[in-house]
Amino acid sequence: MDTLSHALYGKGLFGYRKYKWSSFFFGVVPDIFSFGIYFLFLIFFSESDFGKPTKAELPVWVYELYNISHSMITASFFITIAYFIKKEFAWPMLAWPMHIIVDFFTHSIEFFPTPILWPVSDYRFDGIPWSNPYIFVSNIVIIFIIYLYRWRNGIKSIFIKLTTNKK
């Protein structure tokens, strides 16, 4: 799935309590930790052109960072720590495992299949790539429905507050 969609899913599903914008960030953490670091590496240390790299062009450490950041075990570990330190901060962090679940089903075996149980298991699912028109359109529709629901509930909440505060 594209990084923007992950951010929108994170915000839409987990960004309505305290730390609202943290969910936006945690929705993209797995991609930032792998591809974001690679992007910075290219900017500062590489002379190659930008664009979609081939598998052979990617350094081994990008794959390792991808494995770490796209593992439910890694995400669960950090969310558990956050829960015991600051309970309410764990809620927006749930955008991270949401990212992993979406990637698990929308990445094919050919290009960055999601290692959902790494390092315990190297199992990877051959999902339908998000570039598939059915997946791409479904993604947009689902995001629209989530935000329509949030907007509608926000309007209801405002109306309820206005009507209950009248004396």
Protein backbone atom coordinates (compact mmCIF):
# COMPACT_ATOMS: atom_id res chain seq x y z
CA MET A 1 0.00 0.00 0.00
CA ASP A 2 1.17 3.53 -0.57
CA THR A 3 2.50 5.49 2.40
CA LEU A 4 -0.16 8.21 2.21
CA SER A 5 -2.94 5.63 2.47
CA HIS A 6 -1.26 4.14 5.54
CA ALA A 7 -1.13 7.58 7.15
CA LEU A 8 -4.81 8.17 6.35
CA TYR A 9 -5.82 4.77 7.72
CA GLY A 10 -3.83 5.47 10.88
CA LYS A 11 -5.45 8.86 11.43
CA GLY A 12 -8.93 7.70 10.45
CA LEU A 13 -8.98 4.60 12.62
CA PHE A 14 -6.85 5.59 15.62
CA GLY A 15 -6.68 9.39 15.54
CA TYR A 16 -9.77 10.39 17.42
CA ARG A 17 -8.59 10.19 21.01
CA LYS A 18 -5.71 11.87 22.80
CA TYR A 19 -2.52 12.21 20.68
CA LYS A 20 -4.64 12.48 17.54
CA TRP A 21 -1.82 13.18 15.08
CA SER A 22 0.48 10.51 16.47
CA SER A 23 -1.68 7.93 14.70
CA PHE A 24 -0.87 9.60 11.38
CA PHE A 25 2.84 9.16 12.17
CA PHE A 26 2.52 5.56 13.41
CA GLY A 27 0.61 4.69 10.26
CA VAL A 28 3.80 5.35 8.29
CA VAL A 29 6.45 4.22 10.81
CA PRO A 30 7.20 0.92 9.04
CA ASP A 31 7.87 2.67 5.73
CA ILE A 32 9.84 5.51 7.29
CA PHE A 33 12.03 3.07 9.19
CA SER A 34 12.92 1.15 6.03
CA PHE A 35 12.39 3.17 2.86
CA GLY A 36 12.62 6.59 4.54
CA ILE A 37 16.09 5.80 5.83
CA TYR A 38 17.06 4.49 2.38
CA PHE A 39 15.74 7.70 0.80
CA LEU A 40 17.89 9.80 3.17
CA PHE A 41 20.85 7.58 2.36
CA LEU A 42 20.34 8.28 -1.35
CA ILE A 43 20.13 12.03 -0.76
CA PHE A 44 23.30 12.26 1.33
CA PHE A 45 25.53 9.41 0.20
CA SER A 46 24.56 8.25 -3.28
CA GLU A 47 25.22 9.59 -6.72
CA SER A 48 22.55 7.47 -8.39
CA ASP A 49 19.35 8.79 -9.88
CA PHE A 50 16.03 8.73 -8.05
CA GLY A 51 13.23 6.43 -9.11
CA LYS A 52 12.04 2.94 -8.32
CA PRO A 53 15.15 0.86 -7.63
CA THR A 54 15.52 -2.72 -8.76
CA LYS A 55 15.79 -5.41 -6.10
CA ALA A 56 19.50 -5.79 -6.87
CA GLU A 57 20.15 -2.06 -6.28
CA LEU A 58 18.74 -2.12 -2.76
CA PRO A 59 21.27 -2.69 0.01
CA VAL A 60 20.73 -5.70 2.29
CA TRP A 61 20.11 -3.40 5.26
CA VAL A 62 16.94 -2.04 3.62
CA TYR A 63 15.50 -5.57 3.60
CA GLU A 64 16.52 -6.07 7.23
CA LEU A 65 14.95 -2.77 8.29
CA TYR A 66 11.82 -3.75 6.36
CA ASN A 67 11.68 -7.08 8.21
CA ILE A 68 12.04 -5.38 11.58
CA SER A 69 9.55 -2.58 10.95
CA HIS A 70 6.93 -4.75 9.23
CA SER A 71 6.74 -7.40 11.96
CA MET A 72 3.75 -7.67 14.29
CA ILE A 73 6.17 -8.91 16.94
CA THR A 74 8.24 -5.72 16.75
CA ALA A 75 5.13 -3.52 16.74
CA SER A 76 3.60 -5.42 19.66
CA PHE A 77 6.81 -5.10 21.64
CA PHE A 78 6.90 -1.30 21.31
CA ILE A 79 3.16 -0.88 21.86
CA THR A 80 3.37 -2.96 25.04
CA ILE A 81 6.22 -0.78 26.34
CA ALA A 82 4.21 2.36 25.53
CA TYR A 83 1.15 0.93 27.25
CA PHE A 84 3.03 0.47 30.51
CA ILE A 85 4.71 3.87 30.31
CA LYS A 86 1.80 5.99 29.08
CA LYS A 87 -1.36 3.96 28.51
CA GLU A 88 -3.23 6.43 26.29
CA PHE A 89 -0.26 6.69 23.89
CA ALA A 90 -0.62 3.01 22.96
CA TRP A 91 -3.94 3.69 21.16
CA PRO A 92 -2.53 5.76 18.25
CA MET A 93 0.36 3.31 18.02
CA LEU A 94 -2.15 0.70 16.81
CA ALA A 95 -1.85 2.39 13.41
CA TRP A 96 1.50 0.57 13.13
CA PRO A 97 0.09 -2.99 13.21
CA MET A 98 -2.75 -1.78 10.98
CA HIS A 99 -0.10 -0.79 8.42
CA ILE A 100 1.42 -4.28 8.67
CA ILE A 101 -1.93 -6.03 8.22
CA VAL A 102 -2.79 -3.95 5.15
CA ASP A 103 0.66 -4.58 3.64
CA PHE A 104 0.38 -8.30 4.39
CA PHE A 105 -2.56 -8.56 1.99
CA THR A 106 -1.48 -5.93 -0.57
CA HIS A 107 2.13 -6.93 -1.23
CA SER A 108 2.97 -9.74 -3.60
CA ILE A 109 5.79 -12.24 -3.13
CA GLU A 110 7.68 -10.51 -5.97
CA PHE A 111 8.24 -7.17 -4.22
CA PHE A 112 8.58 -6.78 -0.45
CA PRO A 113 6.20 -9.41 0.89
CA THR A 114 5.39 -8.60 4.53
CA PRO A 115 7.19 -10.73 7.16
CA ILE A 116 4.33 -10.50 9.64
CA LEU A 117 5.88 -12.82 12.26
CA TRP A 118 9.56 -11.99 11.83
CA PRO A 119 11.93 -13.06 13.55
CA VAL A 120 9.94 -16.09 14.77
CA SER A 121 8.81 -17.09 11.28
CA ASP A 122 9.76 -16.07 7.77
CA TYR A 123 6.25 -16.76 6.45
CA ARG A 124 5.12 -14.34 3.77
CA PHE A 125 1.77 -14.17 2.04
CA ASP A 126 1.41 -13.64 -1.70
CA GLY A 127 -1.06 -10.77 -1.61
CA ILE A 128 -2.68 -8.79 -4.37
CA PRO A 129 -0.50 -5.73 -5.11
CA TRP A 130 -2.11 -2.40 -4.29
CA SER A 131 -1.37 -1.31 -7.87
CA ASN A 132 -4.15 -3.69 -8.96
CA PRO A 133 -7.08 -1.45 -10.04
CA TYR A 134 -9.58 -3.31 -7.84
CA ILE A 135 -7.38 -2.92 -4.76
CA PHE A 136 -6.50 0.68 -5.61
CA VAL A 137 -10.13 1.75 -6.04
CA SER A 138 -11.24 -0.25 -2.98
CA ASN A 139 -8.54 1.49 -0.96
CA ILE A 140 -9.83 4.93 -1.94
CA VAL A 141 -13.44 3.94 -1.20
CA ILE A 142 -12.54 2.50 2.23
CA ILE A 143 -10.59 5.62 3.19
CA PHE A 144 -13.52 7.78 2.06
CA ILE A 145 -15.96 5.70 4.15
CA ILE A 146 -13.73 5.94 7.24
CA TYR A 147 -13.48 9.72 6.99
CA LEU A 148 -17.18 10.11 6.17
CA TYR A 149 -17.95 8.09 9.31
CA ARG A 150 -15.57 10.22 11.41
CA TRP A 151 -17.01 13.44 10.00
CA ARG A 152 -20.57 12.28 10.61
CA ASN A 153 -19.80 11.26 14.19
CA GLY A 154 -18.01 14.57 14.74
CA ILE A 155 -21.09 16.49 13.60
CA LYS A 156 -23.30 14.35 15.87
CA SER A 157 -20.95 14.96 18.79
CA ILE A 158 -21.04 18.73 18.27
CA PHE A 159 -24.85 18.67 18.00
CA ILE A 160 -25.15 16.60 21.20
CA LYS A 161 -22.84 19.00 23.08
CA LEU A 162 -24.82 22.01 21.87
CA THR A 163 -28.18 20.56 22.80
CA THR A 164 -27.16 19.20 26.22
CA ASN A 165 -25.40 22.40 27.31
CA LYS A 166 -28.48 24.59 26.78
CA LYS A 167 -30.23 25.72 29.94
